[in-house]
Amino acid sequence: MRILLRVGLALVLLLAAGIGFAWWYDHVGQHSDADFDTRVQSPAYPAGAGTRHPRVLMDEGHRNFHTASGRYKPFAEVLRRDGYGVSSTQRAFTAEMLKDADVLVIANAMGPEDHEGRPAFTPQEEAAVAAWVSAGGSLFLIADHAPFGGAAARLAQRFGVTMHWRYARDDRFHEGWDNERLVFSRDNGLLDDDPITNGRSPSERVNRVVTFTGQSLSGPADAIPLLRLSDGAYDWESRKVRYPAKGHTQALALEFGKGRGVVAGEAAMFSAQVDPLGIKFGMNRGDNDDRQFLLNILHWLSRAQ
């Protein structure tokens, strides 16, 4: 009986410790890496008389999980160092508020409270964004796994992109133990030659991109698959429910009317974050080209190349 009591007490203590760790981890949360070096060696739009500095507008009006002053602060600072004029907005999307922007960035918007997976934008806002892109604007739409994929799915459909909103996994082409931390490289054949991964010069060539838990996408036949999922990849919903993701991608680029768009199914690769244990993930890792991938995307969207 004493042995059973001791075992029971040990299990209770282990459970309490596990709950306490989970609470601490979530309470402290992910945060931007204050030590991340945002300097850009050769800015696309250097300071100087006569240099045009494209205007990047970052959405913060739709309960965004990533903002220019929060988890995407390194994102915004890297773009500023590359010569972009970066500002944020909490306004609803209209033709009037979009007219002065060159690139609109939407990162992990959410639907209403307690319904985060519902559309984050009204049909009128979605129509305004689509019309603005068609007239020559550039959209960078970033949406993770659920609930973010559901919140942005209807807007993505305006551009012929389907968000599968579950968790993209690959049991072969992943990093370490985590089959949601996906590796796209020249070596494994999941990165192809295209205007974005090749960059404007050999120094900008992207060879290895790592993503940190996102969803899969599928798009129009003429879209450029930037991060092509392998034939063995799948969309995971639960232990018993998964769907093949063969032919899907985790980022794609497309032309839409006179404008351009890039849609990404994972957000952390464009961040530079540290978790409560001090583990880095995003552009601040030394084993990926995620930082150059971000710069190349903006170069393409702003027509620097």
C-alpha atoms as a PDB file:
ATOM      1  CA  MET A   1       0.000   0.000   0.000  1.00  0.00           C
ATOM      2  CA  ARG A   2       2.841   2.419   0.880  1.00  0.00           C
ATOM      3  CA  ILE A   3       4.456   1.768  -2.517  1.00  0.00           C
ATOM      4  CA  LEU A   4       1.176   2.562  -4.276  1.00  0.00           C
ATOM      5  CA  LEU A   5       0.807   5.788  -2.279  1.00  0.00           C
ATOM      6  CA  ARG A   6       4.347   6.839  -3.139  1.00  0.00           C
ATOM      7  CA  VAL A   7       3.794   6.103  -6.831  1.00  0.00           C
ATOM      8  CA  GLY A   8       0.539   8.013  -6.735  1.00  0.00           C
ATOM      9  CA  LEU A   9       2.155  10.983  -5.007  1.00  0.00           C
ATOM     10  CA  ALA A  10       5.020  10.970  -7.540  1.00  0.00           C
ATOM     11  CA  LEU A  11       2.540  10.983 -10.426  1.00  0.00           C
ATOM     12  CA  VAL A  12       0.619  13.881  -8.882  1.00  0.00           C
ATOM     13  CA  LEU A  13       3.840  15.861  -8.412  1.00  0.00           C
ATOM     14  CA  LEU A  14       4.927  15.159 -11.995  1.00  0.00           C
ATOM     15  CA  LEU A  15       1.526  16.251 -13.294  1.00  0.00           C
ATOM     16  CA  ALA A  16       1.647  19.433 -11.220  1.00  0.00           C
ATOM     17  CA  ALA A  17       5.165  20.168 -12.441  1.00  0.00           C
ATOM     18  CA  GLY A  18       4.063  19.639 -16.046  1.00  0.00           C
ATOM     19  CA  ILE A  19       1.078  21.958 -15.631  1.00  0.00           C
ATOM     20  CA  GLY A  20       3.275  24.537 -13.934  1.00  0.00           C
ATOM     21  CA  PHE A  21       5.841  24.406 -16.739  1.00  0.00           C
ATOM     22  CA  ALA A  22       3.141  24.747 -19.398  1.00  0.00           C
ATOM     23  CA  TRP A  23       1.644  27.757 -17.576  1.00  0.00           C
ATOM     24  CA  TRP A  24       5.081  29.382 -17.210  1.00  0.00           C
ATOM     25  CA  TYR A  25       5.972  28.771 -20.857  1.00  0.00           C
ATOM     26  CA  ASP A  26       2.690  30.244 -22.136  1.00  0.00           C
ATOM     27  CA  HIS A  27       2.766  33.126 -19.633  1.00  0.00           C
ATOM     28  CA  VAL A  28       6.277  34.226 -20.579  1.00  0.00           C
ATOM     29  CA  GLY A  29       5.575  33.582 -24.266  1.00  0.00           C
ATOM     30  CA  GLN A  30       7.568  34.159 -27.406  1.00  0.00           C
ATOM     31  CA  HIS A  31       9.245  37.510 -27.864  1.00  0.00           C
ATOM     32  CA  SER A  32      11.424  39.287 -30.398  1.00  0.00           C
ATOM     33  CA  ASP A  33      15.152  38.688 -30.153  1.00  0.00           C
ATOM     34  CA  ALA A  34      16.602  41.996 -28.934  1.00  0.00           C
ATOM     35  CA  ASP A  35      20.088  40.900 -30.037  1.00  0.00           C
ATOM     36  CA  PHE A  36      19.119  40.238 -33.650  1.00  0.00           C
ATOM     37  CA  ASP A  37      21.230  42.265 -36.063  1.00  0.00           C
ATOM     38  CA  THR A  38      18.859  43.963 -38.525  1.00  0.00           C
ATOM     39  CA  ARG A  39      21.553  45.660 -40.621  1.00  0.00           C
ATOM     40  CA  VAL A  40      21.441  45.131 -44.401  1.00  0.00           C
ATOM     41  CA  GLN A  41      24.814  45.179 -46.102  1.00  0.00           C
ATOM     42  CA  SER A  42      23.665  46.426 -49.524  1.00  0.00           C
ATOM     43  CA  PRO A  43      20.252  48.123 -49.248  1.00  0.00           C
ATOM     44  CA  ALA A  44      17.986  47.826 -52.264  1.00  0.00           C
ATOM     45  CA  TYR A  45      16.923  51.440 -51.746  1.00  0.00           C
ATOM     46  CA  PRO A  46      19.918  53.279 -50.260  1.00  0.00           C
ATOM     47  CA  ALA A  47      19.605  56.680 -48.627  1.00  0.00           C
ATOM     48  CA  GLY A  48      20.345  59.601 -50.898  1.00  0.00           C
ATOM     49  CA  ALA A  49      18.826  62.261 -53.043  1.00  0.00           C
ATOM     50  CA  GLY A  50      16.611  60.940 -55.781  1.00  0.00           C
ATOM     51  CA  THR A  51      16.192  57.444 -54.286  1.00  0.00           C
ATOM     52  CA  ARG A  52      12.619  56.236 -54.178  1.00  0.00           C
ATOM     53  CA  HIS A  53      11.688  54.416 -50.988  1.00  0.00           C
ATOM     54  CA  PRO A  54       8.676  52.085 -51.476  1.00  0.00           C
ATOM     55  CA  ARG A  55       5.988  52.383 -48.833  1.00  0.00           C
ATOM     56  CA  VAL A  56       5.219  49.225 -46.873  1.00  0.00           C
ATOM     57  CA  LEU A  57       1.973  49.273 -44.890  1.00  0.00           C
ATOM     58  CA  MET A  58       1.651  46.682 -42.116  1.00  0.00           C
ATOM     59  CA  ASP A  59      -1.833  45.703 -40.985  1.00  0.00           C
ATOM     60  CA  GLU A  60      -2.472  45.884 -37.243  1.00  0.00           C
ATOM     61  CA  GLY A  61      -6.223  46.391 -37.346  1.00  0.00           C
ATOM     62  CA  HIS A  62      -7.416  42.785 -37.483  1.00  0.00           C
ATOM     63  CA  ARG A  63      -6.239  41.318 -34.176  1.00  0.00           C
ATOM     64  CA  ASN A  64      -2.898  40.471 -35.775  1.00  0.00           C
ATOM     65  CA  PHE A  65      -0.662  38.108 -33.828  1.00  0.00           C
ATOM     66  CA  HIS A  66       2.389  39.657 -35.519  1.00  0.00           C
ATOM     67  CA  THR A  67       2.813  43.428 -35.562  1.00  0.00           C
ATOM     68  CA  ALA A  68       5.584  45.894 -36.413  1.00  0.00           C
ATOM     69  CA  SER A  69       6.023  46.836 -32.759  1.00  0.00           C
ATOM     70  CA  GLY A  70       5.683  43.270 -31.447  1.00  0.00           C
ATOM     71  CA  ARG A  71       6.746  39.868 -32.770  1.00  0.00           C
ATOM     72  CA  TYR A  72       7.403  41.349 -36.227  1.00  0.00           C
ATOM     73  CA  LYS A  73       9.572  44.193 -35.008  1.00  0.00           C
ATOM     74  CA  PRO A  74      12.695  42.570 -36.560  1.00  0.00           C
ATOM     75  CA  PHE A  75      10.716  42.115 -39.801  1.00  0.00           C
ATOM     76  CA  ALA A  76       9.925  45.840 -39.909  1.00  0.00           C
ATOM     77  CA  GLU A  77      13.462  46.873 -38.944  1.00  0.00           C
ATOM     78  CA  VAL A  78      15.090  44.711 -41.631  1.00  0.00           C
ATOM     79  CA  LEU A  79      12.834  46.321 -44.250  1.00  0.00           C
ATOM     80  CA  ARG A  80      13.662  49.808 -42.977  1.00  0.00           C
ATOM     81  CA  ARG A  81      17.385  48.989 -43.207  1.00  0.00           C
ATOM     82  CA  ASP A  82      16.778  47.860 -46.794  1.00  0.00           C
ATOM     83  CA  GLY A  83      15.370  51.302 -47.590  1.00  0.00           C
ATOM     84  CA  TYR A  84      11.617  50.832 -47.290  1.00  0.00           C
ATOM     85  CA  GLY A  85       9.326  53.281 -45.588  1.00  0.00           C
ATOM     86  CA  VAL A  86       7.452  51.113 -43.093  1.00  0.00           C
ATOM     87  CA  SER A  87       4.314  52.165 -41.241  1.00  0.00           C
ATOM     88  CA  SER A  88       1.399  50.452 -39.515  1.00  0.00           C
ATOM     89  CA  THR A  89      -2.343  50.910 -39.749  1.00  0.00           C
ATOM     90  CA  GLN A  90      -5.321  49.890 -37.654  1.00  0.00           C
ATOM     91  CA  ARG A  91      -7.838  51.115 -40.211  1.00  0.00           C
ATOM     92  CA  ALA A  92     -10.192  48.987 -42.265  1.00  0.00           C
ATOM     93  CA  PHE A  93      -9.044  48.354 -45.827  1.00  0.00           C
ATOM     94  CA  THR A  94     -10.493  50.808 -48.327  1.00  0.00           C
ATOM     95  CA  ALA A  95      -9.367  52.197 -51.667  1.00  0.00           C
ATOM     96  CA  GLU A  96      -8.598  55.498 -49.959  1.00  0.00           C
ATOM     97  CA  MET A  97      -6.308  54.085 -47.262  1.00  0.00           C
ATOM     98  CA  LEU A  98      -4.485  51.786 -49.704  1.00  0.00           C
ATOM     99  CA  LYS A  99      -3.835  54.328 -52.439  1.00  0.00           C
ATOM    100  CA  ASP A 100      -0.502  55.567 -51.040  1.00  0.00           C
ATOM    101  CA  ALA A 101       0.927  52.110 -50.223  1.00  0.00           C
ATOM    102  CA  ASP A 102       3.222  50.088 -52.482  1.00  0.00           C
ATOM    103  CA  VAL A 103       3.167  46.868 -50.446  1.00  0.00           C
ATOM    104  CA  LEU A 104       0.502  45.741 -47.963  1.00  0.00           C
ATOM    105  CA  VAL A 105       1.641  43.204 -45.342  1.00  0.00           C
ATOM    106  CA  ILE A 106      -0.971  41.168 -43.469  1.00  0.00           C
ATOM    107  CA  ALA A 107       0.488  38.754 -40.905  1.00  0.00           C
ATOM    108  CA  ASN A 108      -1.632  36.319 -38.885  1.00  0.00           C
ATOM    109  CA  ALA A 109      -4.865  38.274 -38.710  1.00  0.00           C
ATOM    110  CA  MET A 110      -7.621  36.741 -36.573  1.00  0.00           C
ATOM    111  CA  GLY A 111     -11.394  36.721 -36.589  1.00  0.00           C
ATOM    112  CA  PRO A 112     -13.563  38.017 -33.728  1.00  0.00           C
ATOM    113  CA  GLU A 113     -12.805  37.031 -30.135  1.00  0.00           C
ATOM    114  CA  ASP A 114     -13.736  33.401 -29.420  1.00  0.00           C
ATOM    115  CA  HIS A 115     -14.145  32.914 -33.195  1.00  0.00           C
ATOM    116  CA  GLU A 116     -10.565  33.521 -34.308  1.00  0.00           C
ATOM    117  CA  GLY A 117     -10.840  31.183 -37.296  1.00  0.00           C
ATOM    118  CA  ARG A 118     -13.685  33.096 -38.886  1.00  0.00           C
ATOM    119  CA  PRO A 119     -12.905  35.653 -41.628  1.00  0.00           C
ATOM    120  CA  ALA A 120     -10.838  38.521 -40.274  1.00  0.00           C
ATOM    121  CA  PHE A 121     -11.938  40.899 -43.031  1.00  0.00           C
ATOM    122  CA  THR A 122     -15.300  42.044 -44.316  1.00  0.00           C
ATOM    123  CA  PRO A 123     -16.239  41.265 -47.927  1.00  0.00           C
ATOM    124  CA  GLN A 124     -15.887  44.988 -48.647  1.00  0.00           C
ATOM    125  CA  GLU A 125     -12.302  45.010 -47.318  1.00  0.00           C
ATOM    126  CA  GLU A 126     -11.432  41.919 -49.347  1.00  0.00           C
ATOM    127  CA  ALA A 127     -12.840  43.511 -52.491  1.00  0.00           C
ATOM    128  CA  ALA A 128     -10.852  46.697 -51.845  1.00  0.00           C
ATOM    129  CA  VAL A 129      -7.585  44.745 -51.442  1.00  0.00           C
ATOM    130  CA  ALA A 130      -8.208  42.681 -54.581  1.00  0.00           C
ATOM    131  CA  ALA A 131      -9.009  45.799 -56.628  1.00  0.00           C
ATOM    132  CA  TRP A 132      -5.920  47.573 -55.309  1.00  0.00           C
ATOM    133  CA  VAL A 133      -3.640  44.659 -56.236  1.00  0.00           C
ATOM    134  CA  SER A 134      -5.255  44.307 -59.654  1.00  0.00           C
ATOM    135  CA  ALA A 135      -4.533  47.988 -60.278  1.00  0.00           C
ATOM    136  CA  GLY A 136      -0.821  47.541 -59.482  1.00  0.00           C
ATOM    137  CA  GLY A 137      -0.443  47.112 -55.714  1.00  0.00           C
ATOM    138  CA  SER A 138       1.521  44.303 -54.046  1.00  0.00           C
ATOM    139  CA  LEU A 139       0.182  42.081 -51.261  1.00  0.00           C
ATOM    140  CA  PHE A 140       2.219  39.992 -48.815  1.00  0.00           C
ATOM    141  CA  LEU A 141      -0.330  37.757 -47.069  1.00  0.00           C
ATOM    142  CA  ILE A 142       1.005  35.579 -44.255  1.00  0.00           C
ATOM    143  CA  ALA A 143      -1.235  33.112 -42.391  1.00  0.00           C
ATOM    144  CA  ASP A 144      -0.204  30.206 -40.191  1.00  0.00           C
ATOM    145  CA  HIS A 145      -2.061  27.044 -39.278  1.00  0.00           C
ATOM    146  CA  ALA A 146      -5.474  27.242 -37.585  1.00  0.00           C
ATOM    147  CA  PRO A 147      -6.965  29.609 -36.592  1.00  0.00           C
ATOM    148  CA  PHE A 148      -4.992  31.996 -38.814  1.00  0.00           C
ATOM    149  CA  GLY A 149      -5.563  30.063 -42.042  1.00  0.00           C
ATOM    150  CA  GLY A 150      -9.313  30.161 -41.546  1.00  0.00           C
ATOM    151  CA  ALA A 151      -9.230  33.891 -40.816  1.00  0.00           C
ATOM    152  CA  ALA A 152      -7.430  34.683 -44.094  1.00  0.00           C
ATOM    153  CA  ALA A 153      -8.811  31.913 -46.324  1.00  0.00           C
ATOM    154  CA  ARG A 154     -11.604  33.939 -47.892  1.00  0.00           C
ATOM    155  CA  LEU A 155      -9.250  36.792 -48.803  1.00  0.00           C
ATOM    156  CA  ALA A 156      -6.753  34.299 -50.269  1.00  0.00           C
ATOM    157  CA  GLN A 157      -9.492  32.838 -52.445  1.00  0.00           C
ATOM    158  CA  ARG A 158      -9.813  36.234 -54.149  1.00  0.00           C
ATOM    159  CA  PHE A 159      -6.409  35.462 -55.648  1.00  0.00           C
ATOM    160  CA  GLY A 160      -7.108  31.817 -56.441  1.00  0.00           C
ATOM    161  CA  VAL A 161      -5.189  30.544 -53.392  1.00  0.00           C
ATOM    162  CA  THR A 162      -6.556  27.809 -51.138  1.00  0.00           C
ATOM    163  CA  MET A 163      -5.423  27.734 -47.520  1.00  0.00           C
ATOM    164  CA  HIS A 164      -5.615  24.247 -46.027  1.00  0.00           C
ATOM    165  CA  TRP A 165      -5.330  25.720 -42.467  1.00  0.00           C
ATOM    166  CA  ARG A 166      -4.242  22.487 -40.748  1.00  0.00           C
ATOM    167  CA  TYR A 167      -0.641  21.671 -39.728  1.00  0.00           C
ATOM    168  CA  ALA A 168       1.732  20.901 -42.594  1.00  0.00           C
ATOM    169  CA  ARG A 169       4.018  18.004 -41.703  1.00  0.00           C
ATOM    170  CA  ASP A 170       6.734  16.026 -43.410  1.00  0.00           C
ATOM    171  CA  ASP A 171       8.223  12.952 -41.769  1.00  0.00           C
ATOM    172  CA  ARG A 172      11.297  13.100 -44.014  1.00  0.00           C
ATOM    173  CA  PHE A 173      12.269  16.693 -44.794  1.00  0.00           C
ATOM    174  CA  HIS A 174      12.191  18.247 -41.347  1.00  0.00           C
ATOM    175  CA  GLU A 175      14.628  19.532 -38.760  1.00  0.00           C
ATOM    176  CA  GLY A 176      15.362  17.491 -35.642  1.00  0.00           C
ATOM    177  CA  TRP A 177      12.493  15.774 -33.886  1.00  0.00           C
ATOM    178  CA  ASP A 178       9.820  18.234 -35.008  1.00  0.00           C
ATOM    179  CA  ASN A 179       8.118  17.103 -38.229  1.00  0.00           C
ATOM    180  CA  GLU A 180       6.392  20.509 -38.442  1.00  0.00           C
ATOM    181  CA  ARG A 181       9.738  22.350 -38.619  1.00  0.00           C
ATOM    182  CA  LEU A 182      10.179  21.912 -42.354  1.00  0.00           C
ATOM    183  CA  VAL A 183      13.347  22.265 -44.441  1.00  0.00           C
ATOM    184  CA  PHE A 184      13.241  23.507 -48.034  1.00  0.00           C
ATOM    185  CA  SER A 185      16.624  23.460 -49.745  1.00  0.00           C
ATOM    186  CA  ARG A 186      18.426  23.177 -53.056  1.00  0.00           C
ATOM    187  CA  ASP A 187      19.920  19.920 -51.773  1.00  0.00           C
ATOM    188  CA  ASN A 188      16.592  18.217 -51.012  1.00  0.00           C
ATOM    189  CA  GLY A 189      14.959  19.504 -54.203  1.00  0.00           C
ATOM    190  CA  LEU A 190      12.210  21.544 -52.525  1.00  0.00           C
ATOM    191  CA  LEU A 191      13.670  24.930 -53.576  1.00  0.00           C
ATOM    192  CA  ASP A 192      13.632  25.656 -57.311  1.00  0.00           C
ATOM    193  CA  ASP A 193      15.140  28.390 -59.442  1.00  0.00           C
ATOM    194  CA  ASP A 194      12.790  31.369 -59.579  1.00  0.00           C
ATOM    195  CA  PRO A 195      13.106  35.163 -59.415  1.00  0.00           C
ATOM    196  CA  ILE A 196      12.665  35.206 -55.625  1.00  0.00           C
ATOM    197  CA  THR A 197      14.867  32.313 -54.496  1.00  0.00           C
ATOM    198  CA  ASN A 198      17.584  33.335 -56.975  1.00  0.00           C
ATOM    199  CA  GLY A 199      17.533  37.001 -55.971  1.00  0.00           C
ATOM    200  CA  ARG A 200      19.104  39.792 -57.969  1.00  0.00           C
ATOM    201  CA  SER A 201      22.666  38.476 -57.743  1.00  0.00           C
ATOM    202  CA  PRO A 202      24.564  35.367 -56.578  1.00  0.00           C
ATOM    203  CA  SER A 203      24.988  36.956 -53.133  1.00  0.00           C
ATOM    204  CA  GLU A 204      21.201  36.979 -52.686  1.00  0.00           C
ATOM    205  CA  ARG A 205      20.653  33.348 -53.699  1.00  0.00           C
ATOM    206  CA  VAL A 206      18.516  31.462 -51.180  1.00  0.00           C
ATOM    207  CA  ASN A 207      19.695  27.901 -50.555  1.00  0.00           C
ATOM    208  CA  ARG A 208      17.908  26.813 -47.375  1.00  0.00           C
ATOM    209  CA  VAL A 209      14.644  27.964 -45.800  1.00  0.00           C
ATOM    210  CA  VAL A 210      13.324  26.586 -42.507  1.00  0.00           C
ATOM    211  CA  THR A 211       9.708  27.043 -41.427  1.00  0.00           C
ATOM    212  CA  PHE A 212       8.402  26.621 -37.889  1.00  0.00           C
ATOM    213  CA  THR A 213       4.910  25.042 -37.945  1.00  0.00           C
ATOM    214  CA  GLY A 214       2.481  26.309 -40.555  1.00  0.00           C
ATOM    215  CA  GLN A 215      -0.152  25.294 -43.068  1.00  0.00           C
ATOM    216  CA  SER A 216       0.003  24.207 -46.702  1.00  0.00           C
ATOM    217  CA  LEU A 217      -1.312  26.153 -49.687  1.00  0.00           C
ATOM    218  CA  SER A 218      -2.363  25.486 -53.244  1.00  0.00           C
ATOM    219  CA  GLY A 219      -2.745  28.142 -55.900  1.00  0.00           C
ATOM    220  CA  PRO A 220      -3.367  28.920 -59.563  1.00  0.00           C
ATOM    221  CA  ALA A 221      -1.523  26.911 -62.199  1.00  0.00           C
ATOM    222  CA  ASP A 222       0.610  29.917 -63.127  1.00  0.00           C
ATOM    223  CA  ALA A 223       1.668  30.690 -59.534  1.00  0.00           C
ATOM    224  CA  ILE A 224       5.329  30.209 -58.587  1.00  0.00           C
ATOM    225  CA  PRO A 225       5.712  27.575 -55.820  1.00  0.00           C
ATOM    226  CA  LEU A 226       8.426  29.082 -53.628  1.00  0.00           C
ATOM    227  CA  LEU A 227       8.496  26.410 -50.906  1.00  0.00           C
ATOM    228  CA  ARG A 228       7.358  23.202 -52.559  1.00  0.00           C
ATOM    229  CA  LEU A 229       6.160  20.459 -50.210  1.00  0.00           C
ATOM    230  CA  SER A 230       7.389  16.946 -50.896  1.00  0.00           C
ATOM    231  CA  ASP A 231       5.186  14.163 -52.224  1.00  0.00           C
ATOM    232  CA  GLY A 232       5.142  12.644 -48.740  1.00  0.00           C
ATOM    233  CA  ALA A 233       4.002  15.790 -46.912  1.00  0.00           C
ATOM    234  CA  TYR A 234       0.566  15.856 -45.297  1.00  0.00           C
ATOM    235  CA  ASP A 235      -1.879  18.154 -43.528  1.00  0.00           C
ATOM    236  CA  TRP A 236      -2.296  16.961 -39.947  1.00  0.00           C
ATOM    237  CA  GLU A 237      -5.552  17.560 -38.093  1.00  0.00           C
ATOM    238  CA  SER A 238      -5.422  14.960 -35.329  1.00  0.00           C
ATOM    239  CA  ARG A 239      -3.755  11.667 -34.517  1.00  0.00           C
ATOM    240  CA  LYS A 240      -6.259   9.857 -36.716  1.00  0.00           C
ATOM    241  CA  VAL A 241      -6.983  12.533 -39.332  1.00  0.00           C
ATOM    242  CA  ARG A 242      -4.477  13.634 -41.958  1.00  0.00           C
ATOM    243  CA  TYR A 243      -4.745  14.657 -45.600  1.00  0.00           C
ATOM    244  CA  PRO A 244      -2.161  14.297 -48.397  1.00  0.00           C
ATOM    245  CA  ALA A 245      -0.365  17.563 -49.199  1.00  0.00           C
ATOM    246  CA  LYS A 246       1.293  16.341 -52.394  1.00  0.00           C
ATOM    247  CA  GLY A 247       1.428  19.227 -54.859  1.00  0.00           C
ATOM    248  CA  HIS A 248       0.978  21.850 -52.136  1.00  0.00           C
ATOM    249  CA  THR A 249       3.422  24.568 -51.161  1.00  0.00           C
ATOM    250  CA  GLN A 250       4.117  26.632 -48.059  1.00  0.00           C
ATOM    251  CA  ALA A 251       4.691  29.856 -49.986  1.00  0.00           C
ATOM    252  CA  LEU A 252       3.851  31.002 -53.496  1.00  0.00           C
ATOM    253  CA  ALA A 253       4.082  34.084 -55.693  1.00  0.00           C
ATOM    254  CA  LEU A 254       1.628  35.224 -58.325  1.00  0.00           C
ATOM    255  CA  GLU A 255       0.722  37.993 -60.735  1.00  0.00           C
ATOM    256  CA  PHE A 256      -2.777  39.417 -60.355  1.00  0.00           C
ATOM    257  CA  GLY A 257      -3.860  41.957 -62.940  1.00  0.00           C
ATOM    258  CA  LYS A 258      -1.183  44.648 -62.879  1.00  0.00           C
ATOM    259  CA  GLY A 259      -0.139  43.722 -59.350  1.00  0.00           C
ATOM    260  CA  ARG A 260       1.737  41.020 -57.493  1.00  0.00           C
ATOM    261  CA  GLY A 261       1.167  38.860 -54.469  1.00  0.00           C
ATOM    262  CA  VAL A 262       3.100  36.503 -52.230  1.00  0.00           C
ATOM    263  CA  VAL A 263       1.166  34.212 -49.901  1.00  0.00           C
ATOM    264  CA  ALA A 264       2.969  32.353 -47.104  1.00  0.00           C
ATOM    265  CA  GLY A 265       1.525  29.631 -44.909  1.00  0.00           C
ATOM    266  CA  GLU A 266       3.989  30.141 -42.064  1.00  0.00           C
ATOM    267  CA  ALA A 267       4.870  33.319 -40.174  1.00  0.00           C
ATOM    268  CA  ALA A 268       7.754  32.551 -37.802  1.00  0.00           C
ATOM    269  CA  MET A 269      10.300  32.198 -40.618  1.00  0.00           C
ATOM    270  CA  PHE A 270      10.001  35.972 -41.133  1.00  0.00           C
ATOM    271  CA  SER A 271      10.403  36.718 -37.430  1.00  0.00           C
ATOM    272  CA  ALA A 272      13.422  36.618 -35.112  1.00  0.00           C
ATOM    273  CA  GLN A 273      12.042  35.237 -31.860  1.00  0.00           C
ATOM    274  CA  VAL A 274      13.209  33.630 -28.656  1.00  0.00           C
ATOM    275  CA  ASP A 275      11.064  31.273 -26.597  1.00  0.00           C
ATOM    276  CA  PRO A 276      11.051  31.194 -22.764  1.00  0.00           C
ATOM    277  CA  LEU A 277      13.820  28.571 -22.806  1.00  0.00           C
ATOM    278  CA  GLY A 278      16.046  30.868 -24.858  1.00  0.00           C
ATOM    279  CA  ILE A 279      15.657  28.820 -28.043  1.00  0.00           C
ATOM    280  CA  LYS A 280      15.848  30.960 -31.177  1.00  0.00           C
ATOM    281  CA  PHE A 281      13.596  30.491 -34.174  1.00  0.00           C
ATOM    282  CA  GLY A 282      13.220  32.502 -37.349  1.00  0.00           C
ATOM    283  CA  MET A 283      15.703  34.778 -39.098  1.00  0.00           C
ATOM    284  CA  ASN A 284      17.996  34.825 -36.039  1.00  0.00           C
ATOM    285  CA  ARG A 285      19.042  31.231 -36.616  1.00  0.00           C
ATOM    286  CA  GLY A 286      22.385  30.782 -38.320  1.00  0.00           C
ATOM    287  CA  ASP A 287      21.382  27.678 -40.266  1.00  0.00           C
ATOM    288  CA  ASN A 288      18.894  29.151 -42.716  1.00  0.00           C
ATOM    289  CA  ASP A 289      18.446  31.851 -45.352  1.00  0.00           C
ATOM    290  CA  ASP A 290      15.066  33.035 -44.015  1.00  0.00           C
ATOM    291  CA  ARG A 291      16.293  36.624 -43.714  1.00  0.00           C
ATOM    292  CA  GLN A 292      17.418  36.748 -47.355  1.00  0.00           C
ATOM    293  CA  PHE A 293      14.178  35.043 -48.379  1.00  0.00           C
ATOM    294  CA  LEU A 294      12.227  37.897 -46.757  1.00  0.00           C
ATOM    295  CA  LEU A 295      14.344  40.530 -48.503  1.00  0.00           C
ATOM    296  CA  ASN A 296      14.001  38.789 -51.864  1.00  0.00           C
ATOM    297  CA  ILE A 297      10.219  38.620 -51.486  1.00  0.00           C
ATOM    298  CA  LEU A 298      10.036  42.354 -50.827  1.00  0.00           C
ATOM    299  CA  HIS A 299      12.403  43.070 -53.725  1.00  0.00           C
ATOM    300  CA  TRP A 300      10.090  41.155 -56.046  1.00  0.00           C
ATOM    301  CA  LEU A 301       6.930  42.756 -54.658  1.00  0.00           C
ATOM    302  CA  SER A 302       8.407  46.259 -54.901  1.00  0.00           C
ATOM    303  CA  ARG A 303       9.869  45.512 -58.352  1.00  0.00           C
ATOM    304  CA  ALA A 304      13.437  46.105 -57.298  1.00  0.00           C
ATOM    305  CA  GLN A 305      14.337  43.125 -59.526  1.00  0.00           C
END
